[in-house]
Protein backbone atom coordinates (compact mmCIF):
# COMPACT_ATOMS: atom_id res chain seq x y z
CA UNK A 1 -36.07 -114.88 -16.08
CA UNK A 2 -36.26 -111.58 -14.26
CA UNK A 3 -34.16 -108.66 -15.38
CA UNK A 4 -35.00 -106.53 -12.37
CA UNK A 5 -34.63 -107.01 -8.64
CA UNK A 6 -37.49 -108.91 -6.96
CA UNK A 7 -37.62 -108.55 -3.17
CA UNK A 8 -38.35 -111.73 -1.22
CA UNK A 9 -39.75 -112.16 2.29
CA UNK A 10 -37.08 -113.49 4.62
CA UNK A 11 -37.52 -114.68 8.22
CA UNK A 12 -34.51 -114.78 10.57
CA UNK A 13 -34.22 -117.14 13.52
CA UNK A 14 -31.40 -116.92 16.04
CA UNK A 15 -30.83 -120.11 18.02
CA UNK A 16 -29.11 -119.38 21.32
CA UNK A 17 -29.45 -120.08 25.02
CA UNK A 18 -27.83 -116.76 25.88
CA UNK A 19 -28.57 -114.16 23.18
CA UNK A 20 -31.21 -111.45 23.52
CA UNK A 21 -32.45 -108.80 21.09
CA UNK A 22 -29.82 -106.44 22.55
CA UNK A 23 -26.80 -108.66 21.86
CA UNK A 24 -27.89 -110.79 18.90
CA UNK A 25 -25.07 -109.68 16.61
CA UNK A 26 -25.60 -112.39 13.97
CA UNK A 27 -29.36 -111.89 13.75
CA UNK A 28 -28.85 -108.13 13.43
CA UNK A 29 -26.21 -108.64 10.74
CA UNK A 30 -28.53 -110.84 8.67
CA UNK A 31 -31.45 -108.41 9.11
CA UNK A 32 -29.33 -105.42 8.11
CA UNK A 33 -27.86 -107.17 5.08
CA UNK A 34 -31.17 -108.49 3.75
CA UNK A 35 -32.84 -105.09 4.19
CA UNK A 36 -29.88 -103.28 2.59
CA UNK A 37 -30.19 -105.66 -0.36
CA UNK A 38 -33.83 -104.65 -0.82
CA UNK A 39 -35.52 -107.71 0.67
CA UNK A 40 -38.29 -107.68 3.26
CA UNK A 41 -38.03 -108.95 6.83
CA UNK A 42 -40.98 -111.32 7.28
CA UNK A 43 -40.23 -112.02 10.96
CA UNK A 44 -37.34 -112.29 13.38
CA UNK A 45 -37.17 -114.38 16.55
CA UNK A 46 -34.75 -115.87 19.06
CA UNK A 47 -35.25 -119.36 20.51
CA UNK A 48 -33.12 -121.50 22.80
CA UNK A 49 -31.07 -124.45 21.55
CA UNK A 50 -34.04 -126.82 21.72
CA UNK A 51 -34.88 -128.88 18.63
CA UNK A 52 -38.62 -128.72 19.25
CA UNK A 53 -38.74 -124.95 19.70
CA UNK A 54 -36.56 -124.49 16.60
CA UNK A 55 -38.72 -126.88 14.59
CA UNK A 56 -41.93 -125.18 15.77
CA UNK A 57 -40.85 -121.72 14.59
CA UNK A 58 -39.45 -122.97 11.28
CA UNK A 59 -42.59 -125.08 10.72
CA UNK A 60 -44.79 -122.02 11.31
CA UNK A 61 -42.80 -120.03 8.77
CA UNK A 62 -42.80 -122.74 6.08
CA UNK A 63 -46.57 -123.08 6.51
CA UNK A 64 -46.91 -119.32 5.84
CA UNK A 65 -47.05 -118.82 2.06
CA UNK A 66 -45.80 -115.25 2.44
CA UNK A 67 -42.38 -116.41 3.77
CA UNK A 68 -40.02 -117.20 0.89
CA UNK A 69 -36.77 -117.81 2.78
CA UNK A 70 -35.82 -118.78 6.34
CA UNK A 71 -32.34 -118.02 7.66
CA UNK A 72 -31.29 -119.56 10.95
CA UNK A 73 -28.11 -118.70 12.82
CA UNK A 74 -26.65 -120.81 15.61
CA UNK A 75 -26.83 -124.38 16.82
CA UNK A 76 -24.85 -125.90 13.94
CA UNK A 77 -21.83 -127.05 15.95
CA UNK A 78 -21.08 -130.34 17.69
CA UNK A 79 -21.86 -129.65 21.32
CA UNK A 80 -24.69 -131.41 23.09
CA UNK A 81 -26.95 -128.36 22.76
CA UNK A 82 -26.28 -127.85 19.02
CA UNK A 83 -29.31 -129.33 17.29
CA UNK A 84 -30.34 -127.00 14.49
CA UNK A 85 -29.59 -129.42 11.62
CA UNK A 86 -31.47 -132.19 13.43
CA UNK A 87 -34.41 -129.86 14.08
CA UNK A 88 -34.66 -128.55 10.54
CA UNK A 89 -33.46 -131.16 8.05
CA UNK A 90 -36.38 -133.48 8.85
CA UNK A 91 -38.62 -130.74 7.41
CA UNK A 92 -36.77 -130.61 4.07
CA UNK A 93 -38.49 -131.84 0.92
CA UNK A 94 -35.17 -131.40 -0.86
CA UNK A 95 -31.66 -130.79 0.42
CA UNK A 96 -29.39 -128.23 -1.23
CA UNK A 97 -26.11 -130.12 -0.74
CA UNK A 98 -24.13 -127.48 -2.59
CA UNK A 99 -24.94 -124.81 -0.02
CA UNK A 100 -23.07 -126.46 2.86
CA UNK A 101 -20.28 -127.58 0.54
CA UNK A 102 -19.76 -124.10 -0.91
CA UNK A 103 -20.02 -122.46 2.51
CA UNK A 104 -17.26 -124.68 3.87
CA UNK A 105 -15.13 -124.15 0.76
CA UNK A 106 -15.35 -120.37 1.09
CA UNK A 107 -14.86 -120.54 4.87
CA UNK A 108 -11.69 -122.59 4.42
CA UNK A 109 -10.08 -119.52 2.87
CA UNK A 110 -10.90 -117.57 6.04
CA UNK A 111 -10.69 -119.98 8.98
CA UNK A 112 -8.79 -122.88 7.40
CA UNK A 113 -9.54 -126.34 8.79
CA UNK A 114 -11.85 -124.99 11.51
CA UNK A 115 -14.52 -124.96 8.80
CA UNK A 116 -14.81 -128.73 9.22
CA UNK A 117 -16.76 -128.00 12.42
CA UNK A 118 -19.54 -126.26 10.47
CA UNK A 119 -22.74 -128.18 9.87
CA UNK A 120 -24.30 -125.41 7.73
CA UNK A 121 -27.14 -126.86 5.65
CA UNK A 122 -29.70 -125.70 3.13
CA UNK A 123 -32.92 -127.10 1.78
CA UNK A 124 -36.44 -126.51 0.55
CA UNK A 125 -39.58 -127.24 2.58
CA UNK A 126 -43.12 -126.53 1.40
CA UNK A 127 -41.89 -124.08 -1.21
CA UNK A 128 -39.63 -122.20 1.22
CA UNK A 129 -35.84 -122.02 1.06
CA UNK A 130 -34.14 -122.68 4.41
CA UNK A 131 -30.49 -121.99 5.21
CA UNK A 132 -29.01 -122.92 8.59
CA UNK A 133 -25.90 -120.87 9.32
CA UNK A 134 -23.38 -121.02 12.15
CA UNK A 135 -23.90 -118.57 15.00
CA UNK A 136 -20.82 -116.41 14.50
CA UNK A 137 -21.30 -113.07 12.79
CA UNK A 138 -18.29 -113.87 10.59
CA UNK A 139 -19.98 -117.02 9.33
CA UNK A 140 -23.24 -115.15 8.69
CA UNK A 141 -21.33 -112.46 6.80
CA UNK A 142 -19.61 -115.11 4.66
CA UNK A 143 -22.87 -116.92 3.91
CA UNK A 144 -24.75 -113.74 2.99
CA UNK A 145 -22.01 -111.85 1.17
CA UNK A 146 -20.52 -114.76 -0.75
CA UNK A 147 -23.54 -116.99 -1.46
CA UNK A 148 -27.01 -115.85 -0.46
CA UNK A 149 -26.92 -112.24 -1.64
CA UNK A 150 -26.32 -113.35 -5.24
CA UNK A 151 -28.60 -116.38 -5.15
CA UNK A 152 -31.45 -114.29 -3.71
CA UNK A 153 -31.15 -111.75 -6.53
CA UNK A 154 -33.26 -112.48 -9.60
CA UNK A 155 -30.72 -110.60 -11.73
CA UNK A 156 -27.95 -113.10 -10.91
CA UNK A 157 -27.24 -115.30 -13.92
CA UNK A 158 -27.15 -117.96 -15.13
CA UNK A 159 -29.48 -119.03 -12.32
CA UNK A 160 -30.71 -118.01 -8.89
CA UNK A 161 -33.13 -119.13 -6.17
CA UNK A 162 -35.64 -116.32 -6.78
CA UNK A 163 -36.47 -117.61 -10.27
CA UNK A 164 -37.29 -120.98 -8.72
CA UNK A 165 -39.68 -119.77 -5.99
CA UNK A 166 -42.81 -119.86 -8.19
CA UNK A 167 -41.97 -123.43 -9.25
CA UNK A 168 -41.03 -125.01 -5.92
CA UNK A 169 -44.49 -126.49 -5.32
CA UNK A 170 -44.95 -127.93 -8.83
CA UNK A 171 -46.24 -131.47 -8.97
């Protein structure tokens, strides 16, 4: 168990038909927070709400052994174009059920029953943690500040995701 901070390589993917680098508030928020926490930005991209383009980028990152964590933002709602969970969950080797459950529990305190519309999910694929967050900057702030910041800090006890990274590919 680490007693000091261990930076991890995090890739950020914004899923949106309308966002650009200039107005990607949620992607910028995640980048700023992960860098402020001492982590490294492995890559950052924007793709349209298209399950195959989403899956292609996430697949590339999980095939890259230098990427430890993938954060996606957007495409987790119920509209016809929202397909992030469908694009990504098929890649999971294991699902982290508690991530979506805890995210919705925390969000309930902020947005009440509107949290039921969130399909935030987390999982592990090829030794890489993946967290799919809603597209709003408020949701990204909640996920990072109240869950991911602590779980991506090796000093967080009694357990954290960073301690597990070296063991994710054990057979």
